[in-house]
Each structure stands twice: as C-alpha cells, then as structure tokens.
C-alpha cells in the first residue's frame, strides 16, 4: 500500500521451518533497519530475475500448467473409478438412488467429456 509517498507493509509468518525461523530472527535483529534491508534484498532479486519483470517492475505472470488436459482427464477418470470401486451404499441409499450396478464406463466417459463445460 502506498500512502504519503511511502510504502507500508505488514509481514507475518509462522515458525514451522528452519528457513522461516532464520528469516524472522534476522529481521528481528535489524531493528529499525528492516526496510533498507528488504529494499536491498528485493532489488537484488529483481536484478537476478530480470526476465520475470517488465521495465515498469510489474511482474509478468507466465502460467505453465503442470498437467496436460489429457493427464487431468485420466486422473479424474482414475479417481472416479477408485471411488466407484469402494462405494457400498447403505440400504437406505440403495432405496433412494436405486441400484448402482447400472453405472458403466460409458457413463463415466460421458461425464468426463462434459468437463469442458467448466473450463
């Protein structure tokens, strides 16, 4: 946040890793010099990762998916198959929804093919 030609931030993190503890202790030891240290650290980061920043220092986001659409479909299909294999309805559920033996691979494939409606 920028106000009165100054930037003001609040940082907080837990102490569940050694890295977080070291960072917290370092900043704590800097007392009133934290701001200068953070500016130097960020400036160094921007210099060493200049390919990630535009000339106006707004970060350019390049999103590369970890999975292809086919891998996602396969993963979803596998999850559905595993759930169906473990599913044992109670007598009440069987009465409510009928016999689930009619769920076929074709039904699952149809459901998967309709996933593109959500993208």
PDB file of N, CA and C in Angstrom:
ATOM      1  N   UNK A   1       0.850  -1.155   0.000  1.00  0.00           N
ATOM      2  CA  UNK A   1       0.000   0.000   0.000  1.00  0.00           C
ATOM      3  C   UNK A   1       0.898   1.219   0.000  1.00  0.00           C
ATOM      4  N   UNK A   2       0.533   2.229  -0.806  1.00  0.00           N
ATOM      5  CA  UNK A   2       1.310   3.454  -0.872  1.00  0.00           C
ATOM      6  C   UNK A   2       0.476   4.586  -0.306  1.00  0.00           C
ATOM      7  N   UNK A   3       1.057   5.318   0.647  1.00  0.00           N
ATOM      8  CA  UNK A   3       0.370   6.479   1.195  1.00  0.00           C
ATOM      9  C   UNK A   3       1.403   7.525   1.563  1.00  0.00           C
ATOM     10  N   UNK A   4       1.115   8.772   1.249  1.00  0.00           N
ATOM     11  CA  UNK A   4       2.015   9.888   1.572  1.00  0.00           C
ATOM     12  C   UNK A   4       3.426   9.625   1.065  1.00  0.00           C
ATOM     13  N   UNK A   5       3.528   9.128  -0.171  1.00  0.00           N
ATOM     14  CA  UNK A   5       4.810   8.833  -0.800  1.00  0.00           C
ATOM     15  C   UNK A   5       5.661   7.813  -0.035  1.00  0.00           C
ATOM     16  N   UNK A   6       5.027   6.970   0.758  1.00  0.00           N
ATOM     17  CA  UNK A   6       5.717   5.889   1.465  1.00  0.00           C
ATOM     18  C   UNK A   6       4.967   4.592   1.215  1.00  0.00           C
ATOM     19  N   UNK A   7       5.702   3.508   1.213  1.00  0.00           N
ATOM     20  CA  UNK A   7       5.095   2.186   1.106  1.00  0.00           C
ATOM     21  C   UNK A   7       5.045   1.591   2.511  1.00  0.00           C
ATOM     22  N   UNK A   8       3.917   0.983   2.829  1.00  0.00           N
ATOM     23  CA  UNK A   8       3.760   0.412   4.162  1.00  0.00           C
ATOM     24  C   UNK A   8       3.236  -1.015   4.014  1.00  0.00           C
ATOM     25  N   UNK A   9       3.923  -1.957   4.657  1.00  0.00           N
ATOM     26  CA  UNK A   9       3.535  -3.357   4.594  1.00  0.00           C
ATOM     27  C   UNK A   9       3.601  -3.963   5.986  1.00  0.00           C
ATOM     28  N   UNK A  10       2.846  -5.009   6.174  1.00  0.00           N
ATOM     29  CA  UNK A  10       2.927  -5.807   7.389  1.00  0.00           C
ATOM     30  C   UNK A  10       3.222  -7.237   6.966  1.00  0.00           C
ATOM     31  N   UNK A  11       4.231  -7.825   7.562  1.00  0.00           N
ATOM     32  CA  UNK A  11       4.604  -9.205   7.248  1.00  0.00           C
ATOM     33  C   UNK A  11       4.438 -10.063   8.488  1.00  0.00           C
ATOM     34  N   UNK A  12       4.002 -11.281   8.276  1.00  0.00           N
ATOM     35  CA  UNK A  12       3.872 -12.211   9.389  1.00  0.00           C
ATOM     36  C   UNK A  12       3.952 -13.620   8.834  1.00  0.00           C
ATOM     37  N   UNK A  13       4.680 -14.486   9.515  1.00  0.00           N
ATOM     38  CA  UNK A  13       4.721 -15.889   9.138  1.00  0.00           C
ATOM     39  C   UNK A  13       5.009 -16.728  10.367  1.00  0.00           C
ATOM     40  N   UNK A  14       4.743 -17.989  10.231  1.00  0.00           N
ATOM     41  CA  UNK A  14       4.929 -18.916  11.342  1.00  0.00           C
ATOM     42  C   UNK A  14       6.385 -19.319  11.494  1.00  0.00           C
ATOM     43  N   UNK A  15       6.632 -20.214  12.427  1.00  0.00           N
ATOM     44  CA  UNK A  15       7.999 -20.673  12.689  1.00  0.00           C
ATOM     45  C   UNK A  15       8.106 -22.182  12.501  1.00  0.00           C
ATOM     46  N   UNK A  16       7.417 -22.687  11.472  1.00  0.00           N
ATOM     47  CA  UNK A  16       7.397 -24.136  11.293  1.00  0.00           C
ATOM     48  C   UNK A  16       8.568 -24.689  10.487  1.00  0.00           C
ATOM     49  N   UNK A  17       9.405 -23.808   9.913  1.00  0.00           N
ATOM     50  CA  UNK A  17      10.584 -24.304   9.195  1.00  0.00           C
ATOM     51  C   UNK A  17      11.824 -23.550   9.664  1.00  0.00           C
ATOM     52  N   UNK A  18      12.973 -24.149   9.444  1.00  0.00           N
ATOM     53  CA  UNK A  18      14.238 -23.515   9.810  1.00  0.00           C
ATOM     54  C   UNK A  18      14.412 -22.217   9.025  1.00  0.00           C
ATOM     55  N   UNK A  19      14.031 -22.225   7.734  1.00  0.00           N
ATOM     56  CA  UNK A  19      14.175 -21.032   6.903  1.00  0.00           C
ATOM     57  C   UNK A  19      13.353 -19.869   7.457  1.00  0.00           C
ATOM     58  N   UNK A  20      12.126 -20.161   7.874  1.00  0.00           N
ATOM     59  CA  UNK A  20      11.271 -19.106   8.413  1.00  0.00           C
ATOM     60  C   UNK A  20      11.818 -18.569   9.733  1.00  0.00           C
ATOM     61  N   UNK A  21      12.361 -19.447  10.560  1.00  0.00           N
ATOM     62  CA  UNK A  21      12.948 -19.018  11.835  1.00  0.00           C
ATOM     63  C   UNK A  21      14.160 -18.123  11.581  1.00  0.00           C
ATOM     64  N   UNK A  22      15.043 -18.545  10.663  1.00  0.00           N
ATOM     65  CA  UNK A  22      16.238 -17.742  10.362  1.00  0.00           C
ATOM     66  C   UNK A  22      15.854 -16.375   9.810  1.00  0.00           C
ATOM     67  N   UNK A  23      14.886 -16.350   8.889  1.00  0.00           N
ATOM     68  CA  UNK A  23      14.450 -15.072   8.313  1.00  0.00           C
ATOM     69  C   UNK A  23      13.858 -14.180   9.393  1.00  0.00           C
ATOM     70  N   UNK A  24      13.033 -14.743  10.251  1.00  0.00           N
ATOM     71  CA  UNK A  24      12.428 -13.969  11.327  1.00  0.00           C
ATOM     72  C   UNK A  24      13.457 -13.415  12.295  1.00  0.00           C
ATOM     73  N   UNK A  25      14.435 -14.239  12.675  1.00  0.00           N
ATOM     74  CA  UNK A  25      15.473 -13.779  13.599  1.00  0.00           C
ATOM     75  C   UNK A  25      16.341 -12.690  12.969  1.00  0.00           C
ATOM     76  N   UNK A  26      16.647 -12.840  11.688  1.00  0.00           N
ATOM     77  CA  UNK A  26      17.440 -11.819  11.000  1.00  0.00           C
ATOM     78  C   UNK A  26      16.712 -10.482  10.991  1.00  0.00           C
ATOM     79  N   UNK A  27      15.448 -10.495  10.587  1.00  0.00           N
ATOM     80  CA  UNK A  27      14.687  -9.242  10.545  1.00  0.00           C
ATOM     81  C   UNK A  27      14.525  -8.648  11.949  1.00  0.00           C
ATOM     82  N   UNK A  28      14.326  -9.502  12.923  1.00  0.00           N
ATOM     83  CA  UNK A  28      14.195  -9.021  14.303  1.00  0.00           C
ATOM     84  C   UNK A  28      15.482  -8.321  14.749  1.00  0.00           C
ATOM     85  N   UNK A  29      16.638  -8.855  14.350  1.00  0.00           N
ATOM     86  CA  UNK A  29      17.921  -8.275  14.757  1.00  0.00           C
ATOM     87  C   UNK A  29      18.204  -6.938  14.071  1.00  0.00           C
ATOM     88  N   UNK A  30      17.534  -6.658  12.966  1.00  0.00           N
ATOM     89  CA  UNK A  30      17.790  -5.420  12.229  1.00  0.00           C
ATOM     90  C   UNK A  30      17.115  -4.197  12.847  1.00  0.00           C
ATOM     91  N   UNK A  31      16.244  -4.407  13.802  1.00  0.00           N
ATOM     92  CA  UNK A  31      15.516  -3.316  14.480  1.00  0.00           C
ATOM     93  C   UNK A  31      14.920  -2.352  13.468  1.00  0.00           C
ATOM     94  N   UNK A  32      15.353  -1.091  13.480  1.00  0.00           N
ATOM     95  CA  UNK A  32      14.764  -0.083  12.602  1.00  0.00           C
ATOM     96  C   UNK A  32      15.379  -0.060  11.198  1.00  0.00           C
ATOM     97  N   UNK A  33      16.228  -1.006  10.882  1.00  0.00           N
ATOM     98  CA  UNK A  33      16.864  -1.038   9.558  1.00  0.00           C
ATOM     99  C   UNK A  33      16.240  -2.102   8.651  1.00  0.00           C
ATOM    100  N   UNK A  34      15.118  -2.656   9.038  1.00  0.00           N
ATOM    101  CA  UNK A  34      14.452  -3.701   8.252  1.00  0.00           C
ATOM    102  C   UNK A  34      14.106  -3.214   6.847  1.00  0.00           C
ATOM    103  N   UNK A  35      13.569  -2.017   6.746  1.00  0.00           N
ATOM    104  CA  UNK A  35      13.103  -1.503   5.459  1.00  0.00           C
ATOM    105  C   UNK A  35      14.223  -1.447   4.436  1.00  0.00           C
ATOM    106  N   UNK A  36      15.382  -0.903   4.839  1.00  0.00           N
ATOM    107  CA  UNK A  36      16.508  -0.816   3.905  1.00  0.00           C
ATOM    108  C   UNK A  36      16.967  -2.199   3.469  1.00  0.00           C
ATOM    109  N   UNK A  37      16.997  -3.130   4.417  1.00  0.00           N
ATOM    110  CA  UNK A  37      17.408  -4.496   4.093  1.00  0.00           C
ATOM    111  C   UNK A  37      16.443  -5.127   3.093  1.00  0.00           C
ATOM    112  N   UNK A  38      15.152  -4.964   3.315  1.00  0.00           N
ATOM    113  CA  UNK A  38      14.151  -5.560   2.414  1.00  0.00           C
ATOM    114  C   UNK A  38      14.256  -4.942   1.025  1.00  0.00           C
ATOM    115  N   UNK A  39      14.446  -3.624   0.950  1.00  0.00           N
ATOM    116  CA  UNK A  39      14.592  -2.968  -0.354  1.00  0.00           C
ATOM    117  C   UNK A  39      15.822  -3.513  -1.069  1.00  0.00           C
ATOM    118  N   UNK A  40      16.949  -3.675  -0.358  1.00  0.00           N
ATOM    119  CA  UNK A  40      18.161  -4.224  -0.979  1.00  0.00           C
ATOM    120  C   UNK A  40      17.928  -5.660  -1.456  1.00  0.00           C
ATOM    121  N   UNK A  41      17.255  -6.465  -0.635  1.00  0.00           N
ATOM    122  CA  UNK A  41      17.018  -7.868  -0.997  1.00  0.00           C
ATOM    123  C   UNK A  41      16.114  -7.958  -2.231  1.00  0.00           C
ATOM    124  N   UNK A  42      15.073  -7.155  -2.269  1.00  0.00           N
ATOM    125  CA  UNK A  42      14.157  -7.193  -3.415  1.00  0.00           C
ATOM    126  C   UNK A  42      14.842  -6.668  -4.668  1.00  0.00           C
ATOM    127  N   UNK A  43      15.645  -5.599  -4.528  1.00  0.00           N
ATOM    128  CA  UNK A  43      16.384  -5.062  -5.670  1.00  0.00           C
ATOM    129  C   UNK A  43      17.329  -6.113  -6.230  1.00  0.00           C
ATOM    130  N   UNK A  44      18.023  -6.825  -5.354  1.00  0.00           N
ATOM    131  CA  UNK A  44      18.918  -7.901  -5.788  1.00  0.00           C
ATOM    132  C   UNK A  44      18.139  -9.002  -6.496  1.00  0.00           C
ATOM    133  N   UNK A  45      16.975  -9.356  -5.959  1.00  0.00           N
ATOM    134  CA  UNK A  45      16.134 -10.373  -6.580  1.00  0.00           C
ATOM    135  C   UNK A  45      15.687  -9.932  -7.978  1.00  0.00           C
ATOM    136  N   UNK A  46      15.268  -8.691  -8.107  1.00  0.00           N
ATOM    137  CA  UNK A  46      14.806  -8.189  -9.416  1.00  0.00           C
ATOM    138  C   UNK A  46      15.954  -8.219 -10.420  1.00  0.00           C
ATOM    139  N   UNK A  47      17.150  -7.821  -9.983  1.00  0.00           N
ATOM    140  CA  UNK A  47      18.309  -7.845 -10.888  1.00  0.00           C
ATOM    141  C   UNK A  47      18.623  -9.262 -11.353  1.00  0.00           C
ATOM    142  N   UNK A  48      18.585 -10.220 -10.434  1.00  0.00           N
ATOM    143  CA  UNK A  48      18.941 -11.585 -10.819  1.00  0.00           C
ATOM    144  C   UNK A  48      17.825 -12.344 -11.500  1.00  0.00           C
ATOM    145  N   UNK A  49      16.607 -11.813 -11.485  1.00  0.00           N
ATOM    146  CA  UNK A  49      15.486 -12.455 -12.164  1.00  0.00           C
ATOM    147  C   UNK A  49      14.812 -11.468 -13.110  1.00  0.00           C
ATOM    148  N   UNK A  50      15.592 -10.671 -13.794  1.00  0.00           N
ATOM    149  CA  UNK A  50      15.040  -9.595 -14.623  1.00  0.00           C
ATOM    150  C   UNK A  50      14.112 -10.117 -15.709  1.00  0.00           C
ATOM    151  N   UNK A  51      14.307 -11.368 -16.130  1.00  0.00           N
ATOM    152  CA  UNK A  51      13.437 -11.923 -17.174  1.00  0.00           C
ATOM    153  C   UNK A  51      11.990 -12.042 -16.702  1.00  0.00           C
ATOM    154  N   UNK A  52      11.762 -12.029 -15.409  1.00  0.00           N
ATOM    155  CA  UNK A  52      10.407 -12.151 -14.871  1.00  0.00           C
ATOM    156  C   UNK A  52       9.714 -10.815 -14.656  1.00  0.00           C
ATOM    157  N   UNK A  53      10.416  -9.712 -14.930  1.00  0.00           N
ATOM    158  CA  UNK A  53       9.859  -8.397 -14.642  1.00  0.00           C
ATOM    159  C   UNK A  53       9.871  -7.515 -15.883  1.00  0.00           C
ATOM    160  N   UNK A  54       8.795  -6.786 -16.067  1.00  0.00           N
ATOM    161  CA  UNK A  54       8.724  -5.809 -17.149  1.00  0.00           C
ATOM    162  C   UNK A  54       9.534  -4.584 -16.734  1.00  0.00           C
ATOM    163  N   UNK A  55       9.726  -3.672 -17.660  1.00  0.00           N
ATOM    164  CA  UNK A  55      10.534  -2.485 -17.361  1.00  0.00           C
ATOM    165  C   UNK A  55       9.918  -1.621 -16.271  1.00  0.00           C
ATOM    166  N   UNK A  56       8.599  -1.685 -16.097  1.00  0.00           N
ATOM    167  CA  UNK A  56       7.976  -0.898 -15.031  1.00  0.00           C
ATOM    168  C   UNK A  56       7.897  -1.689 -13.724  1.00  0.00           C
ATOM    169  N   UNK A  57       8.614  -2.824 -13.627  1.00  0.00           N
ATOM    170  CA  UNK A  57       8.719  -3.662 -12.446  1.00  0.00           C
ATOM    171  C   UNK A  57       7.420  -4.332 -12.024  1.00  0.00           C
ATOM    172  N   UNK A  58       6.470  -4.380 -12.900  1.00  0.00           N
ATOM    173  CA  UNK A  58       5.295  -5.195 -12.613  1.00  0.00           C
ATOM    174  C   UNK A  58       5.626  -6.600 -13.064  1.00  0.00           C
ATOM    175  N   UNK A  59       5.365  -7.558 -12.220  1.00  0.00           N
ATOM    176  CA  UNK A  59       5.736  -8.926 -12.520  1.00  0.00           C
ATOM    177  C   UNK A  59       4.907  -9.467 -13.668  1.00  0.00           C
ATOM    178  N   UNK A  60       5.581 -10.085 -14.593  1.00  0.00           N
ATOM    179  CA  UNK A  60       4.896 -10.737 -15.699  1.00  0.00           C
ATOM    180  C   UNK A  60       4.572 -12.161 -15.270  1.00  0.00           C
ATOM    181  N   UNK A  61       3.322 -12.512 -15.381  1.00  0.00           N
ATOM    182  CA  UNK A  61       2.920 -13.859 -14.994  1.00  0.00           C
ATOM    183  C   UNK A  61       2.861 -14.731 -16.231  1.00  0.00           C
ATOM    184  N   UNK A  62       3.657 -15.759 -16.226  1.00  0.00           N
ATOM    185  CA  UNK A  62       3.612 -16.750 -17.290  1.00  0.00           C
ATOM    186  C   UNK A  62       3.190 -18.040 -16.630  1.00  0.00           C
ATOM    187  N   UNK A  63       1.962 -18.446 -16.894  1.00  0.00           N
ATOM    188  CA  UNK A  63       1.419 -19.626 -16.245  1.00  0.00           C
ATOM    189  C   UNK A  63       1.609 -20.812 -17.181  1.00  0.00           C
ATOM    190  N   UNK A  64       2.334 -21.781 -16.686  1.00  0.00           N
ATOM    191  CA  UNK A  64       2.537 -23.013 -17.435  1.00  0.00           C
ATOM    192  C   UNK A  64       1.889 -24.125 -16.631  1.00  0.00           C
ATOM    193  N   UNK A  65       0.873 -24.751 -17.181  1.00  0.00           N
ATOM    194  CA  UNK A  65       0.209 -25.812 -16.423  1.00  0.00           C
ATOM    195  C   UNK A  65       1.147 -26.987 -16.190  1.00  0.00           C
ATOM    196  N   UNK A  66       0.975 -27.596 -15.035  1.00  0.00           N
ATOM    197  CA  UNK A  66       1.790 -28.762 -14.695  1.00  0.00           C
ATOM    198  C   UNK A  66       1.322 -30.021 -15.418  1.00  0.00           C
ATOM    199  N   UNK A  67       0.037 -30.037 -15.822  1.00  0.00           N
ATOM    200  CA  UNK A  67      -0.544 -31.211 -16.445  1.00  0.00           C
ATOM    201  C   UNK A  67      -1.189 -30.825 -17.772  1.00  0.00           C
ATOM    202  N   UNK A  68      -1.188 -31.771 -18.693  1.00  0.00           N
ATOM    203  CA  UNK A  68      -1.938 -31.571 -19.929  1.00  0.00           C
ATOM    204  C   UNK A  68      -3.403 -31.885 -19.654  1.00  0.00           C
ATOM    205  N   UNK A  69      -4.276 -31.461 -20.552  1.00  0.00           N
ATOM    206  CA  UNK A  69      -5.699 -31.733 -20.382  1.00  0.00           C
ATOM    207  C   UNK A  69      -5.947 -33.241 -20.351  1.00  0.00           C
ATOM    208  N   UNK A  70      -5.229 -33.991 -21.159  1.00  0.00           N
ATOM    209  CA  UNK A  70      -5.401 -35.450 -21.201  1.00  0.00           C
ATOM    210  C   UNK A  70      -4.988 -36.073 -19.866  1.00  0.00           C
ATOM    211  N   UNK A  71      -3.914 -35.570 -19.251  1.00  0.00           N
ATOM    212  CA  UNK A  71      -3.479 -36.093 -17.957  1.00  0.00           C
ATOM    213  C   UNK A  71      -4.524 -35.801 -16.876  1.00  0.00           C
ATOM    214  N   UNK A  72      -5.118 -34.619 -16.938  1.00  0.00           N
ATOM    215  CA  UNK A  72      -6.159 -34.263 -15.969  1.00  0.00           C
ATOM    216  C   UNK A  72      -7.365 -35.173 -16.140  1.00  0.00           C
ATOM    217  N   UNK A  73      -7.780 -35.404 -17.390  1.00  0.00           N
ATOM    218  CA  UNK A  73      -8.919 -36.298 -17.634  1.00  0.00           C
ATOM    219  C   UNK A  73      -8.631 -37.698 -17.107  1.00  0.00           C
ATOM    220  N   UNK A  74      -7.428 -38.200 -17.362  1.00  0.00           N
ATOM    221  CA  UNK A  74      -7.050 -39.533 -16.888  1.00  0.00           C
ATOM    222  C   UNK A  74      -7.060 -39.593 -15.374  1.00  0.00           C
ATOM    223  N   UNK A  75      -6.536 -38.562 -14.734  1.00  0.00           N
ATOM    224  CA  UNK A  75      -6.524 -38.505 -13.278  1.00  0.00           C
ATOM    225  C   UNK A  75      -7.944 -38.507 -12.715  1.00  0.00           C
ATOM    226  N   UNK A  76      -8.820 -37.706 -13.286  1.00  0.00           N
ATOM    227  CA  UNK A  76     -10.206 -37.645 -12.823  1.00  0.00           C
ATOM    228  C   UNK A  76     -10.893 -38.987 -13.043  1.00  0.00           C
ATOM    229  N   UNK A  77     -10.681 -39.571 -14.198  1.00  0.00           N
ATOM    230  CA  UNK A  77     -11.290 -40.864 -14.506  1.00  0.00           C
ATOM    231  C   UNK A  77     -10.830 -41.928 -13.507  1.00  0.00           C
ATOM    232  N   UNK A  78      -9.533 -41.928 -13.189  1.00  0.00           N
ATOM    233  CA  UNK A  78      -8.994 -42.879 -12.225  1.00  0.00           C
ATOM    234  C   UNK A  78      -9.611 -42.672 -10.845  1.00  0.00           C
ATOM    235  N   UNK A  79      -9.740 -41.409 -10.438  1.00  0.00           N
ATOM    236  CA  UNK A  79     -10.336 -41.105  -9.136  1.00  0.00           C
ATOM    237  C   UNK A  79     -11.790 -41.575  -9.073  1.00  0.00           C
ATOM    238  N   UNK A  80     -12.525 -41.352 -10.143  1.00  0.00           N
ATOM    239  CA  UNK A  80     -13.923 -41.781 -10.177  1.00  0.00           C
ATOM    240  C   UNK A  80     -14.007 -43.298 -10.109  1.00  0.00           C
ATOM    241  N   UNK A  81     -13.178 -43.974 -10.892  1.00  0.00           N
ATOM    242  CA  UNK A  81     -13.173 -45.440 -10.884  1.00  0.00           C
ATOM    243  C   UNK A  81     -12.842 -45.989  -9.498  1.00  0.00           C
ATOM    244  N   UNK A  82     -11.849 -45.374  -8.827  1.00  0.00           N
ATOM    245  CA  UNK A  82     -11.476 -45.822  -7.489  1.00  0.00           C
ATOM    246  C   UNK A  82     -12.619 -45.618  -6.503  1.00  0.00           C
ATOM    247  N   UNK A  83     -13.287 -44.469  -6.589  1.00  0.00           N
ATOM    248  CA  UNK A  83     -14.417 -44.196  -5.691  1.00  0.00           C
ATOM    249  C   UNK A  83     -15.558 -45.169  -5.929  1.00  0.00           C
ATOM    250  N   UNK A  84     -15.871 -45.412  -7.193  1.00  0.00           N
ATOM    251  CA  UNK A  84     -16.961 -46.335  -7.508  1.00  0.00           C
ATOM    252  C   UNK A  84     -16.642 -47.747  -7.040  1.00  0.00           C
ATOM    253  N   UNK A  85     -15.358 -48.135  -7.139  1.00  0.00           N
ATOM    254  CA  UNK A  85     -14.971 -49.478  -6.714  1.00  0.00           C
ATOM    255  C   UNK A  85     -15.132 -49.646  -5.202  1.00  0.00           C
ATOM    256  N   UNK A  86     -14.949 -48.580  -4.432  1.00  0.00           N
ATOM    257  CA  UNK A  86     -15.042 -48.644  -2.971  1.00  0.00           C
ATOM    258  C   UNK A  86     -16.453 -48.373  -2.466  1.00  0.00           C
ATOM    259  N   UNK A  87     -17.320 -47.877  -3.307  1.00  0.00           N
ATOM    260  CA  UNK A  87     -18.635 -47.436  -2.859  1.00  0.00           C
ATOM    261  C   UNK A  87     -19.548 -48.612  -2.552  1.00  0.00           C
ATOM    262  N   UNK A  88     -20.038 -48.645  -1.336  1.00  0.00           N
ATOM    263  CA  UNK A  88     -21.013 -49.642  -0.931  1.00  0.00           C
ATOM    264  C   UNK A  88     -22.175 -48.898  -0.288  1.00  0.00           C
ATOM    265  N   UNK A  89     -23.256 -48.699  -1.031  1.00  0.00           N
ATOM    266  CA  UNK A  89     -24.366 -47.919  -0.479  1.00  0.00           C
ATOM    267  C   UNK A  89     -25.055 -48.649   0.673  1.00  0.00           C
ATOM    268  N   UNK A  90     -25.545 -47.863   1.604  1.00  0.00           N
ATOM    269  CA  UNK A  90     -26.350 -48.423   2.686  1.00  0.00           C
ATOM    270  C   UNK A  90     -27.700 -48.812   2.092  1.00  0.00           C
ATOM    271  N   UNK A  91     -28.478 -49.631   2.799  1.00  0.00           N
ATOM    272  CA  UNK A  91     -29.802 -49.983   2.275  1.00  0.00           C
ATOM    273  C   UNK A  91     -30.655 -48.740   1.981  1.00  0.00           C
ATOM    274  N   UNK A  92     -30.557 -47.732   2.831  1.00  0.00           N
ATOM    275  CA  UNK A  92     -31.336 -46.520   2.599  1.00  0.00           C
ATOM    276  C   UNK A  92     -30.889 -45.826   1.307  1.00  0.00           C
ATOM    277  N   UNK A  93     -29.556 -45.726   1.101  1.00  0.00           N
ATOM    278  CA  UNK A  93     -29.048 -45.100  -0.123  1.00  0.00           C
ATOM    279  C   UNK A  93     -29.475 -45.896  -1.349  1.00  0.00           C
ATOM    280  N   UNK A  94     -29.458 -47.216  -1.239  1.00  0.00           N
ATOM    281  CA  UNK A  94     -29.883 -48.045  -2.362  1.00  0.00           C
ATOM    282  C   UNK A  94     -31.339 -47.776  -2.697  1.00  0.00           C
ATOM    283  N   UNK A  95     -32.175 -47.639  -1.688  1.00  0.00           N
ATOM    284  CA  UNK A  95     -33.584 -47.319  -1.933  1.00  0.00           C
ATOM    285  C   UNK A  95     -33.741 -45.924  -2.519  1.00  0.00           C
ATOM    286  N   UNK A  96     -32.905 -44.973  -2.051  1.00  0.00           N
ATOM    287  CA  UNK A  96     -33.018 -43.593  -2.508  1.00  0.00           C
ATOM    288  C   UNK A  96     -32.561 -43.416  -3.949  1.00  0.00           C
ATOM    289  N   UNK A  97     -31.460 -44.066  -4.308  1.00  0.00           N
ATOM    290  CA  UNK A  97     -30.910 -43.820  -5.642  1.00  0.00           C
ATOM    291  C   UNK A  97     -30.996 -45.031  -6.566  1.00  0.00           C
ATOM    292  N   UNK A  98     -31.490 -46.101  -6.086  1.00  0.00           N
ATOM    293  CA  UNK A  98     -31.597 -47.291  -6.922  1.00  0.00           C
ATOM    294  C   UNK A  98     -30.292 -48.057  -6.934  1.00  0.00           C
ATOM    295  N   UNK A  99     -30.270 -49.090  -7.706  1.00  0.00           N
ATOM    296  CA  UNK A  99     -29.095 -49.947  -7.796  1.00  0.00           C
ATOM    297  C   UNK A  99     -28.018 -49.250  -8.626  1.00  0.00           C
ATOM    298  N   UNK A 100     -26.801 -49.193  -8.098  1.00  0.00           N
ATOM    299  CA  UNK A 100     -25.711 -48.505  -8.793  1.00  0.00           C
ATOM    300  C   UNK A 100     -24.989 -49.393  -9.800  1.00  0.00           C
ATOM    301  N   UNK A 101     -25.458 -50.623  -9.979  1.00  0.00           N
ATOM    302  CA  UNK A 101     -24.801 -51.504 -10.949  1.00  0.00           C
ATOM    303  C   UNK A 101     -24.913 -50.965 -12.362  1.00  0.00           C
ATOM    304  N   UNK A 102     -25.836 -50.049 -12.586  1.00  0.00           N
ATOM    305  CA  UNK A 102     -26.030 -49.509 -13.934  1.00  0.00           C
ATOM    306  C   UNK A 102     -24.982 -48.458 -14.301  1.00  0.00           C
ATOM    307  N   UNK A 103     -24.103 -48.044 -13.358  1.00  0.00           N
ATOM    308  CA  UNK A 103     -23.051 -47.076 -13.676  1.00  0.00           C
ATOM    309  C   UNK A 103     -21.987 -47.805 -14.482  1.00  0.00           C
ATOM    310  N   UNK A 104     -21.838 -47.377 -15.702  1.00  0.00           N
ATOM    311  CA  UNK A 104     -20.905 -48.061 -16.594  1.00  0.00           C
ATOM    312  C   UNK A 104     -19.722 -47.158 -16.921  1.00  0.00           C
ATOM    313  N   UNK A 105     -18.736 -47.743 -17.555  1.00  0.00           N
ATOM    314  CA  UNK A 105     -17.578 -46.959 -18.003  1.00  0.00           C
ATOM    315  C   UNK A 105     -18.038 -45.903 -19.005  1.00  0.00           C
ATOM    316  N   UNK A 106     -19.043 -46.229 -19.784  1.00  0.00           N
ATOM    317  CA  UNK A 106     -19.578 -45.259 -20.745  1.00  0.00           C
ATOM    318  C   UNK A 106     -20.164 -44.045 -20.010  1.00  0.00           C
ATOM    319  N   UNK A 107     -20.864 -44.294 -18.889  1.00  0.00           N
ATOM    320  CA  UNK A 107     -21.395 -43.183 -18.087  1.00  0.00           C
ATOM    321  C   UNK A 107     -20.269 -42.295 -17.564  1.00  0.00           C
ATOM    322  N   UNK A 108     -19.207 -42.922 -17.089  1.00  0.00           N
ATOM    323  CA  UNK A 108     -18.063 -42.171 -16.579  1.00  0.00           C
ATOM    324  C   UNK A 108     -17.424 -41.383 -17.718  1.00  0.00           C
ATOM    325  N   UNK A 109     -17.255 -42.011 -18.880  1.00  0.00           N
ATOM    326  CA  UNK A 109     -16.677 -41.325 -20.040  1.00  0.00           C
ATOM    327  C   UNK A 109     -17.521 -40.136 -20.460  1.00  0.00           C
ATOM    328  N   UNK A 110     -18.831 -40.278 -20.425  1.00  0.00           N
ATOM    329  CA  UNK A 110     -19.728 -39.170 -20.771  1.00  0.00           C
ATOM    330  C   UNK A 110     -19.550 -38.018 -19.792  1.00  0.00           C
ATOM    331  N   UNK A 111     -19.463 -38.355 -18.512  1.00  0.00           N
ATOM    332  CA  UNK A 111     -19.267 -37.318 -17.506  1.00  0.00           C
ATOM    333  C   UNK A 111     -17.946 -36.591 -17.745  1.00  0.00           C
ATOM    334  N   UNK A 112     -16.882 -37.333 -18.013  1.00  0.00           N
ATOM    335  CA  UNK A 112     -15.569 -36.734 -18.272  1.00  0.00           C
ATOM    336  C   UNK A 112     -15.621 -35.838 -19.503  1.00  0.00           C
ATOM    337  N   UNK A 113     -16.287 -36.294 -20.552  1.00  0.00           N
ATOM    338  CA  UNK A 113     -16.349 -35.490 -21.779  1.00  0.00           C
ATOM    339  C   UNK A 113     -17.112 -34.189 -21.574  1.00  0.00           C
ATOM    340  N   UNK A 114     -17.959 -34.137 -20.566  1.00  0.00           N
ATOM    341  CA  UNK A 114     -18.697 -32.911 -20.283  1.00  0.00           C
ATOM    342  C   UNK A 114     -17.945 -31.956 -19.372  1.00  0.00           C
ATOM    343  N   UNK A 115     -16.755 -32.318 -18.933  1.00  0.00           N
ATOM    344  CA  UNK A 115     -15.968 -31.443 -18.046  1.00  0.00           C
ATOM    345  C   UNK A 115     -15.597 -30.137 -18.725  1.00  0.00           C
ATOM    346  N   UNK A 116     -15.490 -30.129 -20.065  1.00  0.00           N
ATOM    347  CA  UNK A 116     -15.110 -28.894 -20.745  1.00  0.00           C
ATOM    348  C   UNK A 116     -16.152 -27.796 -20.565  1.00  0.00           C
ATOM    349  N   UNK A 117     -17.328 -28.134 -20.088  1.00  0.00           N
ATOM    350  CA  UNK A 117     -18.344 -27.107 -19.786  1.00  0.00           C
ATOM    351  C   UNK A 117     -17.886 -26.215 -18.648  1.00  0.00           C
ATOM    352  N   UNK A 118     -16.942 -26.695 -17.829  1.00  0.00           N
ATOM    353  CA  UNK A 118     -16.491 -25.956 -16.656  1.00  0.00           C
ATOM    354  C   UNK A 118     -15.206 -25.210 -16.885  1.00  0.00           C
ATOM    355  N   UNK A 119     -14.671 -25.244 -18.099  1.00  0.00           N
ATOM    356  CA  UNK A 119     -13.401 -24.536 -18.366  1.00  0.00           C
ATOM    357  C   UNK A 119     -13.638 -23.246 -19.070  1.00  0.00           C
TER     358      UNK A 119
END
